[in-house]
């Protein structure tokens, strides 16, 4: 596969996607555009890995961001349909949720709107409305 010149890249390219969204202002703008609501200041980590044990599969998040009210966002670029988006999203969400409760805490303390909002976005950015998938309530919606 021939290597593209920088000028030929778009946001579907993993390098440019990570480089652009590492910028906190750009990440916040994209989240606000996609979610349709204001987002407070965000902290961004590109290629954030979650590994709890070498006995289990780890998770590598393309972009992991959190805002001032401790809402977490996972932003992924899905360029190919691997027919596993719902299961993979559920797995990633579970791995992110694992740190939201301490041992013995009641599940009612897990506030989805405060600490558990998860976001999975799949699109070529030029077709944002046509190819938008959100993982919500156990299903993927187009």
N, C-alpha and C. Protein backbone atom coordinates (compact mmCIF):
# COMPACT_ATOMS: atom_id res chain seq x y z
N UNK A 1 0.84 -1.17 0.00
CA UNK A 1 0.00 0.00 0.00
C UNK A 1 0.89 1.25 0.00
N UNK A 2 0.65 2.12 -0.94
CA UNK A 2 1.45 3.33 -1.06
C UNK A 2 1.13 4.29 0.09
N UNK A 3 2.16 4.92 0.58
CA UNK A 3 2.00 5.86 1.67
C UNK A 3 1.47 7.18 1.13
N UNK A 4 0.43 7.72 1.77
CA UNK A 4 -0.15 8.99 1.33
C UNK A 4 0.71 10.16 1.79
N UNK A 5 0.69 11.22 1.00
CA UNK A 5 1.32 12.47 1.42
C UNK A 5 0.43 13.12 2.46
N UNK A 6 1.03 13.92 3.31
CA UNK A 6 0.27 14.57 4.39
C UNK A 6 -0.92 15.36 3.84
N UNK A 7 -0.72 16.03 2.71
CA UNK A 7 -1.78 16.85 2.12
C UNK A 7 -2.96 16.02 1.65
N UNK A 8 -2.76 14.71 1.44
CA UNK A 8 -3.82 13.83 0.95
C UNK A 8 -4.63 13.20 2.09
N UNK A 9 -4.20 13.37 3.32
CA UNK A 9 -4.87 12.74 4.45
C UNK A 9 -6.18 13.44 4.78
N UNK A 10 -7.14 12.67 5.32
CA UNK A 10 -8.36 13.24 5.87
C UNK A 10 -8.55 12.68 7.28
N UNK A 11 -9.62 13.07 7.95
CA UNK A 11 -9.80 12.64 9.33
C UNK A 11 -10.06 11.15 9.48
N UNK A 12 -10.29 10.43 8.39
CA UNK A 12 -10.44 8.97 8.47
C UNK A 12 -9.09 8.28 8.63
N UNK A 13 -8.01 8.98 8.35
CA UNK A 13 -6.68 8.41 8.51
C UNK A 13 -6.35 8.37 10.01
N UNK A 14 -5.93 7.22 10.53
CA UNK A 14 -5.66 7.10 11.97
C UNK A 14 -4.66 8.12 12.50
N UNK A 15 -3.62 8.42 11.74
CA UNK A 15 -2.62 9.39 12.20
C UNK A 15 -3.23 10.77 12.35
N UNK A 16 -3.92 11.25 11.31
CA UNK A 16 -4.48 12.59 11.35
C UNK A 16 -5.62 12.68 12.37
N UNK A 17 -6.41 11.62 12.47
CA UNK A 17 -7.50 11.58 13.45
C UNK A 17 -6.95 11.78 14.86
N UNK A 18 -5.93 11.01 15.22
CA UNK A 18 -5.34 11.11 16.56
C UNK A 18 -4.66 12.46 16.75
N UNK A 19 -3.93 12.92 15.74
CA UNK A 19 -3.22 14.20 15.86
C UNK A 19 -4.20 15.36 16.03
N UNK A 20 -5.29 15.35 15.27
CA UNK A 20 -6.27 16.44 15.35
C UNK A 20 -7.01 16.42 16.69
N UNK A 21 -7.47 15.24 17.10
CA UNK A 21 -8.28 15.17 18.31
C UNK A 21 -7.47 15.24 19.59
N UNK A 22 -6.15 15.14 19.50
CA UNK A 22 -5.31 15.37 20.69
C UNK A 22 -5.39 16.83 21.13
N UNK A 23 -5.72 17.71 20.20
CA UNK A 23 -5.90 19.12 20.53
C UNK A 23 -7.22 19.25 21.29
N UNK A 24 -7.16 19.73 22.53
CA UNK A 24 -8.35 19.76 23.38
C UNK A 24 -9.47 20.61 22.81
N UNK A 25 -9.15 21.73 22.18
CA UNK A 25 -10.19 22.58 21.60
C UNK A 25 -10.90 21.89 20.44
N UNK A 26 -10.13 21.21 19.60
CA UNK A 26 -10.72 20.48 18.47
C UNK A 26 -11.57 19.32 18.98
N UNK A 27 -11.06 18.59 19.94
CA UNK A 27 -11.80 17.46 20.51
C UNK A 27 -13.13 17.94 21.10
N UNK A 28 -13.09 19.01 21.86
CA UNK A 28 -14.31 19.55 22.46
C UNK A 28 -15.29 20.00 21.40
N UNK A 29 -14.81 20.67 20.35
CA UNK A 29 -15.67 21.12 19.26
C UNK A 29 -16.34 19.93 18.56
N UNK A 30 -15.58 18.88 18.31
CA UNK A 30 -16.14 17.69 17.65
C UNK A 30 -17.17 17.02 18.55
N UNK A 31 -16.87 16.88 19.84
CA UNK A 31 -17.84 16.29 20.77
C UNK A 31 -19.12 17.12 20.82
N UNK A 32 -18.99 18.44 20.90
CA UNK A 32 -20.16 19.31 20.94
C UNK A 32 -20.99 19.18 19.66
N UNK A 33 -20.31 19.10 18.52
CA UNK A 33 -21.00 18.96 17.24
C UNK A 33 -21.76 17.65 17.17
N UNK A 34 -21.13 16.57 17.56
CA UNK A 34 -21.74 15.25 17.48
C UNK A 34 -22.86 15.09 18.49
N UNK A 35 -22.64 15.51 19.73
CA UNK A 35 -23.62 15.32 20.79
C UNK A 35 -24.71 16.39 20.80
N UNK A 36 -24.45 17.51 20.14
CA UNK A 36 -25.45 18.57 20.07
C UNK A 36 -25.67 19.29 21.40
N UNK A 37 -24.63 19.38 22.21
CA UNK A 37 -24.73 20.07 23.49
C UNK A 37 -23.36 20.60 23.88
N UNK A 38 -23.32 21.62 24.72
CA UNK A 38 -22.02 22.15 25.14
C UNK A 38 -21.27 21.16 26.03
N UNK A 39 -19.97 21.16 25.91
CA UNK A 39 -19.08 20.32 26.71
C UNK A 39 -18.12 21.25 27.44
N UNK A 40 -17.88 20.96 28.71
CA UNK A 40 -16.90 21.77 29.44
C UNK A 40 -15.51 21.39 28.95
N UNK A 41 -14.54 22.07 29.45
CA UNK A 41 -13.14 21.81 29.08
C UNK A 41 -12.83 20.32 29.17
N UNK A 42 -12.11 19.79 28.17
CA UNK A 42 -11.78 18.37 28.16
C UNK A 42 -10.28 18.14 28.29
N UNK A 43 -9.94 16.99 28.86
CA UNK A 43 -8.56 16.49 28.85
C UNK A 43 -8.55 15.31 27.91
N UNK A 44 -7.54 15.23 27.05
CA UNK A 44 -7.51 14.24 25.99
C UNK A 44 -6.28 13.35 26.10
N UNK A 45 -6.47 12.06 25.84
CA UNK A 45 -5.38 11.10 25.78
C UNK A 45 -5.56 10.29 24.50
N UNK A 46 -4.59 10.35 23.60
CA UNK A 46 -4.65 9.54 22.38
C UNK A 46 -4.08 8.17 22.67
N UNK A 47 -4.66 7.17 22.04
CA UNK A 47 -4.23 5.77 22.19
C UNK A 47 -4.08 5.39 23.66
N UNK A 48 -5.15 5.57 24.39
CA UNK A 48 -5.21 5.25 25.82
C UNK A 48 -5.47 3.76 25.98
N UNK A 49 -4.60 3.06 26.70
CA UNK A 49 -4.74 1.61 26.87
C UNK A 49 -5.26 1.30 28.26
N UNK A 50 -6.23 0.38 28.31
CA UNK A 50 -6.77 -0.11 29.57
C UNK A 50 -6.38 -1.58 29.66
N UNK A 51 -5.56 -1.92 30.64
CA UNK A 51 -5.11 -3.30 30.84
C UNK A 51 -5.15 -3.59 32.33
N UNK A 52 -6.06 -4.46 32.74
CA UNK A 52 -6.18 -4.81 34.15
C UNK A 52 -5.43 -6.07 34.51
N UNK A 53 -5.22 -6.95 33.55
CA UNK A 53 -4.51 -8.19 33.80
C UNK A 53 -3.98 -8.72 32.48
N UNK A 54 -2.80 -9.29 32.51
CA UNK A 54 -2.24 -9.86 31.28
C UNK A 54 -2.99 -11.12 30.86
N UNK A 55 -3.89 -11.61 31.72
CA UNK A 55 -4.69 -12.79 31.40
C UNK A 55 -5.89 -12.46 30.52
N UNK A 56 -6.20 -11.17 30.36
CA UNK A 56 -7.39 -10.77 29.61
C UNK A 56 -7.02 -9.79 28.51
N UNK A 57 -7.90 -9.68 27.56
CA UNK A 57 -7.70 -8.78 26.44
C UNK A 57 -7.70 -7.33 26.92
N UNK A 58 -6.75 -6.56 26.44
CA UNK A 58 -6.71 -5.14 26.78
C UNK A 58 -7.56 -4.35 25.79
N UNK A 59 -7.77 -3.10 26.10
CA UNK A 59 -8.53 -2.19 25.24
C UNK A 59 -7.63 -1.01 24.91
N UNK A 60 -7.57 -0.64 23.63
CA UNK A 60 -6.83 0.56 23.23
C UNK A 60 -7.83 1.52 22.62
N UNK A 61 -8.07 2.62 23.32
CA UNK A 61 -9.02 3.62 22.87
C UNK A 61 -8.30 4.60 21.96
N UNK A 62 -8.86 4.86 20.77
CA UNK A 62 -8.24 5.83 19.86
C UNK A 62 -8.09 7.17 20.56
N UNK A 63 -9.19 7.70 21.06
CA UNK A 63 -9.18 8.96 21.80
C UNK A 63 -10.02 8.77 23.06
N UNK A 64 -9.42 9.02 24.20
CA UNK A 64 -10.13 9.00 25.48
C UNK A 64 -10.10 10.43 26.00
N UNK A 65 -11.27 10.96 26.33
CA UNK A 65 -11.34 12.32 26.86
C UNK A 65 -12.25 12.33 28.08
N UNK A 66 -12.00 13.25 28.96
CA UNK A 66 -12.88 13.45 30.11
C UNK A 66 -13.05 14.95 30.31
N UNK A 67 -14.23 15.33 30.80
CA UNK A 67 -14.48 16.76 30.98
C UNK A 67 -14.44 17.12 32.47
N UNK A 68 -14.75 18.38 32.76
CA UNK A 68 -14.62 18.89 34.13
C UNK A 68 -15.62 18.26 35.10
N UNK A 69 -16.73 17.72 34.59
CA UNK A 69 -17.72 17.08 35.47
C UNK A 69 -17.55 15.57 35.45
N UNK A 70 -16.39 15.11 35.02
CA UNK A 70 -15.97 13.72 35.03
C UNK A 70 -16.79 12.81 34.12
N UNK A 71 -17.32 13.36 33.04
CA UNK A 71 -17.93 12.54 32.01
C UNK A 71 -16.80 12.06 31.11
N UNK A 72 -16.80 10.78 30.78
CA UNK A 72 -15.75 10.20 29.95
C UNK A 72 -16.27 9.95 28.55
N UNK A 73 -15.40 10.15 27.57
CA UNK A 73 -15.76 9.96 26.16
C UNK A 73 -14.73 9.06 25.50
N UNK A 74 -15.21 8.11 24.74
CA UNK A 74 -14.35 7.26 23.92
C UNK A 74 -14.71 7.56 22.48
N UNK A 75 -13.77 8.08 21.72
CA UNK A 75 -14.03 8.43 20.32
C UNK A 75 -13.18 7.53 19.45
N UNK A 76 -13.82 6.80 18.58
CA UNK A 76 -13.15 5.84 17.71
C UNK A 76 -13.46 6.17 16.26
N UNK A 77 -12.50 5.91 15.40
CA UNK A 77 -12.73 6.02 13.96
C UNK A 77 -12.86 4.61 13.41
N UNK A 78 -14.03 4.29 12.90
CA UNK A 78 -14.30 2.97 12.34
C UNK A 78 -14.38 3.12 10.83
N UNK A 79 -13.36 2.66 10.12
CA UNK A 79 -13.32 2.80 8.66
C UNK A 79 -13.89 1.60 7.93
N UNK A 80 -13.93 0.46 8.59
CA UNK A 80 -14.44 -0.75 7.96
C UNK A 80 -15.47 -1.41 8.86
N UNK A 81 -16.48 -2.01 8.26
CA UNK A 81 -17.50 -2.73 9.02
C UNK A 81 -16.99 -4.12 9.34
N UNK A 82 -16.62 -4.32 10.59
CA UNK A 82 -16.11 -5.62 11.02
C UNK A 82 -17.21 -6.46 11.67
N UNK A 83 -18.45 -5.98 11.58
CA UNK A 83 -19.63 -6.69 12.09
C UNK A 83 -19.53 -7.02 13.57
N UNK A 84 -18.83 -6.18 14.32
CA UNK A 84 -18.71 -6.44 15.76
C UNK A 84 -18.83 -5.16 16.59
N UNK A 85 -19.36 -4.11 16.00
CA UNK A 85 -19.37 -2.81 16.67
C UNK A 85 -20.13 -2.84 17.99
N UNK A 86 -21.30 -3.45 18.03
CA UNK A 86 -22.09 -3.47 19.26
C UNK A 86 -21.36 -4.22 20.37
N UNK A 87 -20.83 -5.39 20.07
CA UNK A 87 -20.13 -6.17 21.10
C UNK A 87 -18.83 -5.49 21.52
N UNK A 88 -18.11 -4.94 20.56
CA UNK A 88 -16.86 -4.26 20.90
C UNK A 88 -17.14 -3.01 21.74
N UNK A 89 -18.19 -2.27 21.37
CA UNK A 89 -18.56 -1.08 22.15
C UNK A 89 -18.93 -1.46 23.57
N UNK A 90 -19.69 -2.54 23.72
CA UNK A 90 -20.09 -3.00 25.05
C UNK A 90 -18.87 -3.40 25.87
N UNK A 91 -17.92 -4.07 25.24
CA UNK A 91 -16.70 -4.49 25.93
C UNK A 91 -15.88 -3.28 26.36
N UNK A 92 -15.69 -2.33 25.44
CA UNK A 92 -14.94 -1.11 25.77
C UNK A 92 -15.63 -0.37 26.91
N UNK A 93 -16.96 -0.25 26.84
CA UNK A 93 -17.71 0.45 27.88
C UNK A 93 -17.52 -0.23 29.22
N UNK A 94 -17.58 -1.55 29.24
CA UNK A 94 -17.38 -2.29 30.48
C UNK A 94 -16.00 -2.07 31.07
N UNK A 95 -14.99 -2.06 30.22
CA UNK A 95 -13.63 -1.82 30.69
C UNK A 95 -13.49 -0.41 31.26
N UNK A 96 -14.16 0.56 30.64
CA UNK A 96 -14.11 1.93 31.16
C UNK A 96 -14.89 2.04 32.47
N UNK A 97 -16.01 1.31 32.58
CA UNK A 97 -16.86 1.38 33.77
C UNK A 97 -16.21 0.73 35.00
N UNK A 98 -15.28 -0.16 34.80
CA UNK A 98 -14.74 -0.96 35.90
C UNK A 98 -14.13 -0.10 37.01
N UNK A 99 -13.68 1.09 36.69
CA UNK A 99 -13.07 1.95 37.71
C UNK A 99 -14.06 2.95 38.32
N UNK A 100 -15.33 2.90 37.90
CA UNK A 100 -16.28 3.91 38.38
C UNK A 100 -16.86 3.61 39.76
N UNK A 101 -16.75 2.37 40.23
CA UNK A 101 -17.23 2.01 41.57
C UNK A 101 -16.12 1.35 42.37
N UNK A 102 -16.08 1.66 43.62
CA UNK A 102 -15.11 1.03 44.51
C UNK A 102 -15.72 -0.25 45.09
N UNK A 103 -14.90 -1.19 45.58
CA UNK A 103 -15.43 -2.43 46.15
C UNK A 103 -16.47 -2.14 47.23
N UNK A 104 -17.61 -2.82 47.15
CA UNK A 104 -18.67 -2.67 48.14
C UNK A 104 -19.63 -1.53 47.88
N UNK A 105 -19.33 -0.63 46.95
CA UNK A 105 -20.25 0.47 46.65
C UNK A 105 -21.48 -0.05 45.93
N UNK A 106 -22.62 0.58 46.22
CA UNK A 106 -23.87 0.19 45.59
C UNK A 106 -23.90 0.66 44.14
N UNK A 107 -24.51 -0.14 43.28
CA UNK A 107 -24.57 0.20 41.86
C UNK A 107 -25.34 1.49 41.61
N UNK A 108 -26.21 1.88 42.53
CA UNK A 108 -26.95 3.14 42.35
C UNK A 108 -26.02 4.34 42.39
N UNK A 109 -24.81 4.17 42.91
CA UNK A 109 -23.83 5.27 42.95
C UNK A 109 -23.21 5.53 41.58
N UNK A 110 -23.37 4.58 40.67
CA UNK A 110 -22.82 4.75 39.32
C UNK A 110 -23.75 5.67 38.54
N UNK A 111 -23.34 6.91 38.40
CA UNK A 111 -24.16 7.92 37.72
C UNK A 111 -23.76 7.99 36.26
N UNK A 112 -24.59 7.46 35.38
CA UNK A 112 -24.26 7.47 33.96
C UNK A 112 -24.02 8.89 33.46
N UNK A 113 -24.87 9.83 33.86
CA UNK A 113 -24.70 11.18 33.36
C UNK A 113 -23.49 11.89 33.97
N UNK A 114 -22.98 11.40 35.10
CA UNK A 114 -21.82 12.03 35.71
C UNK A 114 -20.52 11.32 35.37
N UNK A 115 -20.49 10.01 35.51
CA UNK A 115 -19.21 9.33 35.36
C UNK A 115 -19.24 8.19 34.36
N UNK A 116 -20.37 7.93 33.77
CA UNK A 116 -20.42 6.76 32.92
C UNK A 116 -20.87 7.00 31.50
N UNK A 117 -21.03 8.24 31.09
CA UNK A 117 -21.46 8.46 29.71
C UNK A 117 -20.37 7.98 28.78
N UNK A 118 -20.74 7.13 27.86
CA UNK A 118 -19.77 6.58 26.92
C UNK A 118 -20.21 6.92 25.51
N UNK A 119 -19.26 7.10 24.68
CA UNK A 119 -19.57 7.57 23.34
C UNK A 119 -18.76 6.80 22.33
N UNK A 120 -19.42 6.29 21.35
CA UNK A 120 -18.75 5.60 20.25
C UNK A 120 -19.25 6.25 18.97
N UNK A 121 -18.36 6.72 18.16
CA UNK A 121 -18.73 7.42 16.94
C UNK A 121 -18.07 6.74 15.76
N UNK A 122 -18.85 6.49 14.74
CA UNK A 122 -18.32 5.86 13.54
C UNK A 122 -18.76 6.69 12.35
N UNK A 123 -17.81 7.16 11.59
CA UNK A 123 -18.18 7.98 10.44
C UNK A 123 -16.98 8.29 9.59
N UNK A 124 -17.19 8.44 8.30
CA UNK A 124 -16.30 9.32 7.56
C UNK A 124 -16.83 10.72 7.84
N UNK A 125 -15.99 11.61 8.27
CA UNK A 125 -16.45 12.90 8.77
C UNK A 125 -17.22 13.71 7.74
N UNK A 126 -16.99 13.46 6.46
CA UNK A 126 -17.70 14.20 5.43
C UNK A 126 -19.16 13.76 5.32
N UNK A 127 -19.52 12.63 5.90
CA UNK A 127 -20.89 12.13 5.85
C UNK A 127 -21.41 11.93 7.27
N UNK A 128 -21.20 12.93 8.11
CA UNK A 128 -21.45 12.77 9.54
C UNK A 128 -22.88 12.37 9.86
N UNK A 129 -23.87 12.87 9.14
CA UNK A 129 -25.25 12.55 9.49
C UNK A 129 -25.68 11.19 8.95
N UNK A 130 -25.13 10.79 7.82
CA UNK A 130 -25.53 9.52 7.22
C UNK A 130 -24.88 8.33 7.91
N UNK A 131 -23.67 8.48 8.37
CA UNK A 131 -22.93 7.34 8.92
C UNK A 131 -22.62 7.56 10.40
N UNK A 132 -23.63 7.89 11.15
CA UNK A 132 -23.43 8.13 12.57
C UNK A 132 -24.03 6.97 13.35
N UNK A 133 -23.23 6.34 14.16
CA UNK A 133 -23.67 5.24 15.01
C UNK A 133 -23.42 5.66 16.45
N UNK A 134 -24.39 5.44 17.27
CA UNK A 134 -24.21 5.69 18.70
C UNK A 134 -24.57 4.42 19.44
N UNK A 135 -23.74 4.05 20.35
CA UNK A 135 -24.02 2.89 21.18
C UNK A 135 -24.76 3.39 22.41
N UNK A 136 -26.03 3.08 22.48
CA UNK A 136 -26.83 3.54 23.60
C UNK A 136 -27.78 2.43 24.03
N UNK A 137 -27.89 2.22 25.30
CA UNK A 137 -28.86 1.28 25.86
C UNK A 137 -28.79 -0.10 25.23
N UNK A 138 -27.61 -0.59 24.96
CA UNK A 138 -27.44 -1.95 24.51
C UNK A 138 -27.66 -2.18 23.03
N UNK A 139 -27.76 -1.14 22.24
CA UNK A 139 -27.92 -1.36 20.80
C UNK A 139 -27.21 -0.26 20.02
N UNK A 140 -26.94 -0.54 18.77
CA UNK A 140 -26.31 0.44 17.89
C UNK A 140 -27.39 1.02 17.02
N UNK A 141 -27.45 2.34 16.96
CA UNK A 141 -28.44 3.00 16.11
C UNK A 141 -27.72 3.71 14.98
N UNK A 142 -28.34 3.69 13.79
CA UNK A 142 -27.78 4.42 12.66
C UNK A 142 -28.66 5.61 12.38
